[in-house]
C-alpha atoms as a PDB file:
ATOM      1  CA  MET A   1      -9.525 -23.552 -29.592  1.00  0.00           C
ATOM      2  CA  LYS A   2     -12.226 -21.080 -29.488  1.00  0.00           C
ATOM      3  CA  ILE A   3     -13.892 -18.932 -32.801  1.00  0.00           C
ATOM      4  CA  ASP A   4     -12.864 -15.665 -31.424  1.00  0.00           C
ATOM      5  CA  ASN A   5      -8.759 -16.394 -30.687  1.00  0.00           C
ATOM      6  CA  LEU A   6      -9.112 -17.678 -34.098  1.00  0.00           C
ATOM      7  CA  ILE A   7     -10.992 -14.608 -34.968  1.00  0.00           C
ATOM      8  CA  THR A   8      -8.402 -11.879 -33.838  1.00  0.00           C
ATOM      9  CA  MET A   9      -5.293 -14.146 -35.118  1.00  0.00           C
ATOM     10  CA  ALA A  10      -6.532 -13.937 -38.090  1.00  0.00           C
ATOM     11  CA  ASN A  11      -6.897 -10.103 -37.834  1.00  0.00           C
ATOM     12  CA  GLN A  12      -3.666  -9.151 -36.950  1.00  0.00           C
ATOM     13  CA  ILE A  13      -2.021 -11.393 -39.027  1.00  0.00           C
ATOM     14  CA  GLY A  14      -4.258  -9.373 -41.625  1.00  0.00           C
ATOM     15  CA  SER A  15      -3.054  -6.219 -40.426  1.00  0.00           C
ATOM     16  CA  PHE A  16       0.299  -6.967 -40.710  1.00  0.00           C
ATOM     17  CA  PHE A  17       0.042  -7.863 -44.338  1.00  0.00           C
ATOM     18  CA  GLU A  18      -2.381  -5.225 -44.968  1.00  0.00           C
ATOM     19  CA  ALA A  19      -0.225  -2.322 -45.110  1.00  0.00           C
ATOM     20  CA  MET A  20       1.623  -4.392 -48.140  1.00  0.00           C
ATOM     21  CA  PRO A  21       1.602  -1.612 -50.996  1.00  0.00           C
ATOM     22  CA  ASP A  22       0.468  -5.135 -53.200  1.00  0.00           C
ATOM     23  CA  ARG A  23      -2.762  -5.616 -52.299  1.00  0.00           C
ATOM     24  CA  GLU A  24      -2.889  -9.187 -54.066  1.00  0.00           C
ATOM     25  CA  GLU A  25       0.199  -9.848 -52.656  1.00  0.00           C
ATOM     26  CA  ALA A  26      -0.995  -9.040 -49.106  1.00  0.00           C
ATOM     27  CA  VAL A  27      -4.113 -11.349 -49.919  1.00  0.00           C
ATOM     28  CA  SER A  28      -1.241 -14.289 -50.899  1.00  0.00           C
ATOM     29  CA  ASP A  29       0.020 -13.575 -48.210  1.00  0.00           C
ATOM     30  CA  ILE A  30      -2.369 -14.123 -45.058  1.00  0.00           C
ATOM     31  CA  ALA A  31      -3.618 -17.419 -47.124  1.00  0.00           C
ATOM     32  CA  GLY A  32       0.225 -18.284 -46.828  1.00  0.00           C
ATOM     33  CA  HIS A  33       0.753 -17.877 -43.521  1.00  0.00           C
ATOM     34  CA  ILE A  34      -2.390 -19.668 -41.862  1.00  0.00           C
ATOM     35  CA  LYS A  35      -0.914 -22.182 -43.816  1.00  0.00           C
ATOM     36  CA  ARG A  36       2.480 -23.097 -43.275  1.00  0.00           C
ATOM     37  CA  PHE A  37       1.899 -21.868 -39.105  1.00  0.00           C
ATOM     38  CA  TRP A  38      -1.907 -22.919 -38.227  1.00  0.00           C
ATOM     39  CA  GLU A  39      -2.329 -26.643 -37.445  1.00  0.00           C
ATOM     40  CA  PRO A  40      -5.150 -28.094 -39.935  1.00  0.00           C
ATOM     41  CA  ARG A  41      -8.150 -28.167 -37.326  1.00  0.00           C
ATOM     42  CA  MET A  42      -7.466 -24.483 -36.567  1.00  0.00           C
ATOM     43  CA  ARG A  43      -7.849 -23.425 -40.534  1.00  0.00           C
ATOM     44  CA  ARG A  44     -10.860 -25.755 -40.901  1.00  0.00           C
ATOM     45  CA  ALA A  45     -12.106 -24.308 -37.614  1.00  0.00           C
ATOM     46  CA  LEU A  46     -11.720 -20.321 -39.368  1.00  0.00           C
ATOM     47  CA  LEU A  47     -12.850 -22.043 -41.971  1.00  0.00           C
ATOM     48  CA  GLY A  48     -16.849 -23.145 -40.908  1.00  0.00           C
ATOM     49  CA  HIS A  49     -16.869 -19.761 -39.397  1.00  0.00           C
ATOM     50  CA  VAL A  50     -17.018 -18.083 -42.559  1.00  0.00           C
ATOM     51  CA  ASP A  51     -19.428 -20.468 -44.001  1.00  0.00           C
ATOM     52  CA  ALA A  52     -22.017 -20.096 -40.871  1.00  0.00           C
ATOM     53  CA  GLU A  53     -21.398 -16.750 -40.025  1.00  0.00           C
ATOM     54  CA  ALA A  54     -20.066 -15.199 -43.185  1.00  0.00           C
ATOM     55  CA  GLY A  55     -17.327 -14.205 -41.529  1.00  0.00           C
ATOM     56  CA  SER A  56     -18.447 -11.851 -38.874  1.00  0.00           C
ATOM     57  CA  GLY A  57     -15.893 -10.564 -37.500  1.00  0.00           C
ATOM     58  CA  LEU A  58     -12.876 -10.585 -39.773  1.00  0.00           C
ATOM     59  CA  LEU A  59     -11.425  -7.999 -41.672  1.00  0.00           C
ATOM     60  CA  GLU A  60     -12.050  -7.787 -44.915  1.00  0.00           C
ATOM     61  CA  ILE A  61      -8.696  -8.742 -46.467  1.00  0.00           C
ATOM     62  CA  VAL A  62      -8.779 -12.339 -44.862  1.00  0.00           C
ATOM     63  CA  GLN A  63     -12.027 -12.984 -45.249  1.00  0.00           C
ATOM     64  CA  GLU A  64     -11.013 -11.769 -49.416  1.00  0.00           C
ATOM     65  CA  ALA A  65      -7.601 -14.300 -48.462  1.00  0.00           C
ATOM     66  CA  LEU A  66      -9.942 -16.902 -47.066  1.00  0.00           C
ATOM     67  CA  GLY A  67     -11.485 -16.691 -49.947  1.00  0.00           C
ATOM     68  CA  ARG A  68      -9.140 -16.904 -52.696  1.00  0.00           C
ATOM     69  CA  HIS A  69      -7.462 -19.241 -51.360  1.00  0.00           C
ATOM     70  CA  ARG A  70      -9.954 -21.463 -49.740  1.00  0.00           C
ATOM     71  CA  ALA A  71      -8.727 -25.187 -51.699  1.00  0.00           C
ATOM     72  CA  MET A  72      -5.571 -24.085 -50.572  1.00  0.00           C
ATOM     73  CA  LEU A  73      -6.245 -24.138 -47.062  1.00  0.00           C
ATOM     74  CA  GLU A  74      -8.532 -26.670 -46.430  1.00  0.00           C
END
């Protein structure tokens, strides 16, 4: 899967959860959603993008979720 598609999908997830009033819960829920519904190779590709490109193109809340919950997502 192309990284542009993964970024778009991650940002859609982030946009949905960003509307939650509790940011901590939103960040946790973003990571949880990605863990539950994304294949490991998709998660690895997204985390590789964060490492290589500093998360370019990802919403701030998505970057935060990936950073805080990286161990769970690997």
